[in-house]
Amino acid sequence: MSDGQNIAETGAGQASPDFAGQNFEVLAAVPLRLSVEAGSTSLSLAELLALKEGSVIELNRQTGELLDVLVNGTVVARGEIVAVDGRFGIRIVEVAKSAQRSASLGMR
């Protein structure tokens, strides 16, 4: 394949391997925000304002339940908390299937 070959010349909807590799290189440098969610809950404004040092907020997760690993707000995996050189880390136990990630983004 020549460097000047376009997608239309490689077949319906199929990019050449060189083209796909170039796209990945560009996208690989895009920064993403990874976060881990331990759980959530709903509070009224009065309950929120009543919080003080030592208050305990009960979350919707059981102890020992896997935590959600999110990238830009989309669940991509589940894992468990580990200690890494005195810091928190997460050991990935399950990786979300591509279809699940796409569905959470509203894609099909």
N, C-alpha and C. Protein backbone atom coordinates (compact mmCIF):
# COMPACT_ATOMS: atom_id res chain seq x y z
N MET A 1 0.84 -1.19 0.00
CA MET A 1 0.00 0.00 0.00
C MET A 1 0.87 1.23 0.00
N SER A 2 0.48 2.19 -0.81
CA SER A 2 1.28 3.41 -0.85
C SER A 2 0.86 4.35 0.27
N ASP A 3 1.77 5.28 0.60
CA ASP A 3 1.46 6.24 1.65
C ASP A 3 0.27 7.11 1.29
N GLY A 4 -0.02 7.30 0.03
CA GLY A 4 -1.10 8.16 -0.41
C GLY A 4 -2.44 7.44 -0.49
N GLN A 5 -2.48 6.16 -0.20
CA GLN A 5 -3.73 5.40 -0.33
C GLN A 5 -4.72 5.84 0.74
N ASN A 6 -5.98 6.02 0.34
CA ASN A 6 -6.98 6.44 1.31
C ASN A 6 -7.85 5.28 1.74
N ILE A 7 -8.74 5.52 2.70
CA ILE A 7 -9.58 4.47 3.27
C ILE A 7 -10.45 3.83 2.20
N ALA A 8 -11.00 4.63 1.28
CA ALA A 8 -11.89 4.10 0.26
C ALA A 8 -11.20 3.04 -0.59
N GLU A 9 -9.90 3.17 -0.78
CA GLU A 9 -9.17 2.22 -1.60
C GLU A 9 -8.89 0.91 -0.88
N THR A 10 -8.99 0.87 0.44
CA THR A 10 -8.67 -0.34 1.19
C THR A 10 -9.88 -1.22 1.44
N GLY A 11 -11.07 -0.76 1.07
CA GLY A 11 -12.27 -1.56 1.30
C GLY A 11 -13.27 -0.77 2.12
N ALA A 12 -14.49 -1.26 2.16
CA ALA A 12 -15.58 -0.56 2.83
C ALA A 12 -15.34 -0.47 4.33
N GLY A 13 -15.05 0.74 4.81
CA GLY A 13 -14.91 0.99 6.23
C GLY A 13 -13.68 0.41 6.87
N GLN A 14 -12.72 -0.07 6.11
CA GLN A 14 -11.52 -0.65 6.69
C GLN A 14 -10.34 0.26 6.42
N ALA A 15 -9.71 0.69 7.50
CA ALA A 15 -8.52 1.53 7.35
C ALA A 15 -7.31 0.64 7.16
N SER A 16 -6.33 1.14 6.45
CA SER A 16 -5.10 0.37 6.27
C SER A 16 -4.39 0.27 7.61
N PRO A 17 -3.56 -0.75 7.83
CA PRO A 17 -2.84 -0.89 9.10
C PRO A 17 -2.00 0.33 9.43
N ASP A 18 -1.36 0.95 8.43
CA ASP A 18 -0.55 2.13 8.69
C ASP A 18 -1.42 3.27 9.19
N PHE A 19 -2.57 3.47 8.57
CA PHE A 19 -3.48 4.54 8.96
C PHE A 19 -3.98 4.32 10.38
N ALA A 20 -4.36 3.09 10.71
CA ALA A 20 -4.86 2.77 12.06
C ALA A 20 -3.76 3.02 13.09
N GLY A 21 -2.53 2.65 12.78
CA GLY A 21 -1.42 2.87 13.70
C GLY A 21 -1.16 4.34 13.96
N GLN A 22 -1.27 5.15 12.91
CA GLN A 22 -1.07 6.59 13.06
C GLN A 22 -2.16 7.18 13.95
N ASN A 23 -3.41 6.74 13.78
CA ASN A 23 -4.50 7.23 14.62
C ASN A 23 -4.26 6.86 16.07
N PHE A 24 -3.82 5.64 16.33
CA PHE A 24 -3.57 5.22 17.69
C PHE A 24 -2.48 6.06 18.33
N GLU A 25 -1.43 6.35 17.60
CA GLU A 25 -0.33 7.17 18.14
C GLU A 25 -0.85 8.54 18.55
N VAL A 26 -1.73 9.13 17.77
CA VAL A 26 -2.29 10.44 18.10
C VAL A 26 -3.16 10.33 19.35
N LEU A 27 -4.01 9.31 19.39
CA LEU A 27 -4.93 9.15 20.52
C LEU A 27 -4.23 8.69 21.79
N ALA A 28 -3.13 7.98 21.67
CA ALA A 28 -2.43 7.44 22.84
C ALA A 28 -1.95 8.54 23.78
N ALA A 29 -1.75 9.73 23.28
CA ALA A 29 -1.25 10.83 24.11
C ALA A 29 -2.37 11.64 24.76
N VAL A 30 -3.63 11.31 24.47
CA VAL A 30 -4.75 12.06 25.04
C VAL A 30 -4.87 11.72 26.53
N PRO A 31 -4.84 12.73 27.41
CA PRO A 31 -4.95 12.44 28.84
C PRO A 31 -6.37 12.03 29.22
N LEU A 32 -6.48 11.03 30.09
CA LEU A 32 -7.77 10.54 30.57
C LEU A 32 -7.76 10.59 32.09
N ARG A 33 -8.92 10.83 32.69
CA ARG A 33 -9.05 10.88 34.14
C ARG A 33 -9.55 9.53 34.65
N LEU A 34 -8.73 8.82 35.43
CA LEU A 34 -9.11 7.55 36.02
C LEU A 34 -9.48 7.80 37.47
N SER A 35 -10.62 7.27 37.90
CA SER A 35 -11.03 7.40 39.29
C SER A 35 -11.62 6.08 39.76
N VAL A 36 -11.69 5.91 41.07
CA VAL A 36 -12.24 4.71 41.67
C VAL A 36 -13.38 5.15 42.57
N GLU A 37 -14.53 4.50 42.40
CA GLU A 37 -15.71 4.87 43.19
C GLU A 37 -15.97 3.79 44.23
N ALA A 38 -15.94 4.20 45.50
CA ALA A 38 -16.18 3.27 46.60
C ALA A 38 -17.67 3.08 46.86
N GLY A 39 -18.48 4.00 46.42
CA GLY A 39 -19.92 3.91 46.64
C GLY A 39 -20.53 5.29 46.58
N SER A 40 -21.84 5.34 46.79
CA SER A 40 -22.53 6.63 46.77
C SER A 40 -23.75 6.55 47.67
N THR A 41 -24.35 7.68 47.91
CA THR A 41 -25.57 7.77 48.70
C THR A 41 -26.25 9.09 48.37
N SER A 42 -27.46 9.24 48.82
CA SER A 42 -28.18 10.51 48.66
C SER A 42 -28.40 11.13 50.03
N LEU A 43 -28.20 12.41 50.11
CA LEU A 43 -28.41 13.16 51.35
C LEU A 43 -29.32 14.34 51.06
N SER A 44 -30.11 14.71 52.05
CA SER A 44 -30.86 15.96 51.93
C SER A 44 -29.91 17.10 52.26
N LEU A 45 -30.28 18.29 51.91
CA LEU A 45 -29.45 19.46 52.22
C LEU A 45 -29.27 19.58 53.73
N ALA A 46 -30.31 19.31 54.50
CA ALA A 46 -30.22 19.40 55.96
C ALA A 46 -29.21 18.38 56.50
N GLU A 47 -29.22 17.15 55.95
CA GLU A 47 -28.27 16.13 56.38
C GLU A 47 -26.84 16.54 56.02
N LEU A 48 -26.68 17.11 54.84
CA LEU A 48 -25.36 17.57 54.41
C LEU A 48 -24.84 18.66 55.33
N LEU A 49 -25.70 19.61 55.66
CA LEU A 49 -25.29 20.72 56.53
C LEU A 49 -25.01 20.28 57.96
N ALA A 50 -25.60 19.14 58.37
CA ALA A 50 -25.40 18.63 59.72
C ALA A 50 -24.10 17.84 59.87
N LEU A 51 -23.40 17.56 58.79
CA LEU A 51 -22.15 16.80 58.87
C LEU A 51 -21.11 17.56 59.66
N LYS A 52 -20.37 16.82 60.45
CA LYS A 52 -19.28 17.43 61.22
C LYS A 52 -18.15 16.43 61.30
N GLU A 53 -17.04 16.84 61.83
CA GLU A 53 -15.90 15.96 61.98
C GLU A 53 -16.33 14.73 62.78
N GLY A 54 -16.02 13.54 62.26
CA GLY A 54 -16.39 12.30 62.92
C GLY A 54 -17.70 11.71 62.41
N SER A 55 -18.45 12.46 61.59
CA SER A 55 -19.69 11.94 61.02
C SER A 55 -19.37 10.75 60.11
N VAL A 56 -20.26 9.78 60.07
CA VAL A 56 -20.10 8.61 59.20
C VAL A 56 -21.24 8.62 58.20
N ILE A 57 -20.91 8.49 56.92
CA ILE A 57 -21.90 8.43 55.85
C ILE A 57 -21.91 7.01 55.32
N GLU A 58 -23.06 6.36 55.37
CA GLU A 58 -23.19 4.98 54.87
C GLU A 58 -23.33 5.01 53.36
N LEU A 59 -22.54 4.19 52.68
CA LEU A 59 -22.57 4.12 51.22
C LEU A 59 -23.37 2.89 50.78
N ASN A 60 -23.66 2.81 49.50
CA ASN A 60 -24.50 1.75 48.94
C ASN A 60 -23.73 0.46 48.62
N ARG A 61 -22.50 0.34 49.03
CA ARG A 61 -21.70 -0.86 48.74
C ARG A 61 -21.46 -1.64 50.02
N GLN A 62 -21.34 -2.96 49.86
CA GLN A 62 -21.00 -3.84 50.97
C GLN A 62 -19.47 -3.89 51.09
N THR A 63 -18.97 -4.13 52.29
CA THR A 63 -17.53 -4.30 52.45
C THR A 63 -17.12 -5.55 51.68
N GLY A 64 -15.99 -5.51 51.05
CA GLY A 64 -15.52 -6.64 50.26
C GLY A 64 -16.04 -6.64 48.83
N GLU A 65 -17.01 -5.78 48.52
CA GLU A 65 -17.53 -5.69 47.16
C GLU A 65 -16.51 -4.97 46.28
N LEU A 66 -16.40 -5.38 45.01
CA LEU A 66 -15.45 -4.74 44.10
C LEU A 66 -15.84 -3.29 43.86
N LEU A 67 -14.82 -2.46 43.67
CA LEU A 67 -15.02 -1.03 43.42
C LEU A 67 -15.00 -0.75 41.92
N ASP A 68 -15.74 0.26 41.50
CA ASP A 68 -15.78 0.65 40.08
C ASP A 68 -14.55 1.46 39.72
N VAL A 69 -13.93 1.13 38.60
CA VAL A 69 -12.83 1.91 38.04
C VAL A 69 -13.42 2.64 36.84
N LEU A 70 -13.37 3.97 36.88
CA LEU A 70 -13.97 4.78 35.83
C LEU A 70 -12.90 5.57 35.08
N VAL A 71 -13.08 5.69 33.79
CA VAL A 71 -12.24 6.56 32.97
C VAL A 71 -13.16 7.59 32.35
N ASN A 72 -12.92 8.84 32.69
CA ASN A 72 -13.77 9.95 32.24
C ASN A 72 -15.24 9.66 32.53
N GLY A 73 -15.53 9.06 33.70
CA GLY A 73 -16.90 8.82 34.13
C GLY A 73 -17.52 7.54 33.62
N THR A 74 -16.82 6.76 32.83
CA THR A 74 -17.34 5.51 32.29
C THR A 74 -16.67 4.32 32.99
N VAL A 75 -17.49 3.38 33.49
CA VAL A 75 -16.94 2.20 34.16
C VAL A 75 -16.22 1.34 33.12
N VAL A 76 -14.94 1.11 33.36
CA VAL A 76 -14.13 0.28 32.45
C VAL A 76 -13.66 -1.00 33.12
N ALA A 77 -13.73 -1.04 34.46
CA ALA A 77 -13.27 -2.22 35.18
C ALA A 77 -13.78 -2.18 36.61
N ARG A 78 -13.54 -3.28 37.33
CA ARG A 78 -13.83 -3.35 38.76
C ARG A 78 -12.59 -3.94 39.43
N GLY A 79 -12.35 -3.51 40.66
CA GLY A 79 -11.16 -4.00 41.33
C GLY A 79 -11.23 -3.87 42.83
N GLU A 80 -10.12 -4.20 43.47
CA GLU A 80 -10.03 -4.15 44.92
C GLU A 80 -8.86 -3.26 45.34
N ILE A 81 -9.03 -2.62 46.48
CA ILE A 81 -8.00 -1.72 46.99
C ILE A 81 -6.79 -2.51 47.47
N VAL A 82 -5.61 -2.03 47.15
CA VAL A 82 -4.36 -2.60 47.63
C VAL A 82 -3.46 -1.46 48.10
N ALA A 83 -2.44 -1.79 48.86
CA ALA A 83 -1.45 -0.80 49.28
C ALA A 83 -0.21 -0.96 48.40
N VAL A 84 0.29 0.17 47.91
CA VAL A 84 1.48 0.18 47.07
C VAL A 84 2.43 1.24 47.61
N ASP A 85 3.48 0.81 48.28
CA ASP A 85 4.47 1.73 48.85
C ASP A 85 3.81 2.84 49.68
N GLY A 86 2.89 2.45 50.55
CA GLY A 86 2.24 3.41 51.44
C GLY A 86 1.13 4.23 50.80
N ARG A 87 0.77 3.91 49.58
CA ARG A 87 -0.31 4.62 48.87
C ARG A 87 -1.37 3.62 48.47
N PHE A 88 -2.58 4.14 48.22
CA PHE A 88 -3.64 3.27 47.73
C PHE A 88 -3.40 2.94 46.26
N GLY A 89 -3.78 1.74 45.89
CA GLY A 89 -3.77 1.31 44.50
C GLY A 89 -5.00 0.47 44.27
N ILE A 90 -5.21 0.03 43.06
CA ILE A 90 -6.35 -0.83 42.75
C ILE A 90 -5.88 -1.99 41.90
N ARG A 91 -6.24 -3.19 42.32
CA ARG A 91 -5.94 -4.41 41.55
C ARG A 91 -7.17 -4.69 40.69
N ILE A 92 -6.99 -4.71 39.39
CA ILE A 92 -8.10 -4.96 38.47
C ILE A 92 -8.48 -6.44 38.55
N VAL A 93 -9.76 -6.69 38.80
CA VAL A 93 -10.28 -8.04 38.91
C VAL A 93 -11.15 -8.38 37.70
N GLU A 94 -11.92 -7.40 37.24
CA GLU A 94 -12.79 -7.59 36.07
C GLU A 94 -12.61 -6.40 35.14
N VAL A 95 -12.57 -6.65 33.84
CA VAL A 95 -12.54 -5.59 32.85
C VAL A 95 -13.90 -5.60 32.16
N ALA A 96 -14.54 -4.43 32.07
CA ALA A 96 -15.85 -4.34 31.42
C ALA A 96 -15.71 -4.70 29.95
N LYS A 97 -16.72 -5.39 29.43
CA LYS A 97 -16.73 -5.72 28.01
C LYS A 97 -16.92 -4.46 27.19
N SER A 98 -16.40 -4.47 25.98
CA SER A 98 -16.49 -3.31 25.10
C SER A 98 -17.93 -2.85 24.92
N ALA A 99 -18.87 -3.79 24.79
CA ALA A 99 -20.28 -3.44 24.60
C ALA A 99 -20.82 -2.69 25.81
N GLN A 100 -20.40 -3.09 27.03
CA GLN A 100 -20.85 -2.41 28.24
C GLN A 100 -20.31 -0.99 28.29
N ARG A 101 -19.04 -0.81 27.92
CA ARG A 101 -18.45 0.53 27.92
C ARG A 101 -19.15 1.41 26.88
N SER A 102 -19.40 0.86 25.69
CA SER A 102 -20.08 1.62 24.64
C SER A 102 -21.48 2.01 25.06
N ALA A 103 -22.20 1.08 25.71
CA ALA A 103 -23.58 1.36 26.15
C ALA A 103 -23.59 2.49 27.18
N SER A 104 -22.60 2.52 28.08
CA SER A 104 -22.58 3.58 29.07
C SER A 104 -22.24 4.93 28.46
N LEU A 105 -21.65 4.92 27.28
CA LEU A 105 -21.37 6.16 26.56
C LEU A 105 -22.49 6.55 25.63
N GLY A 106 -23.52 5.69 25.51
CA GLY A 106 -24.62 5.95 24.60
C GLY A 106 -24.32 5.56 23.17
N MET A 107 -23.31 4.71 22.97
CA MET A 107 -22.91 4.28 21.62
C MET A 107 -23.44 2.87 21.38
N ARG A 108 -23.55 2.48 20.13
CA ARG A 108 -23.97 1.11 19.79
C ARG A 108 -23.01 0.50 18.82
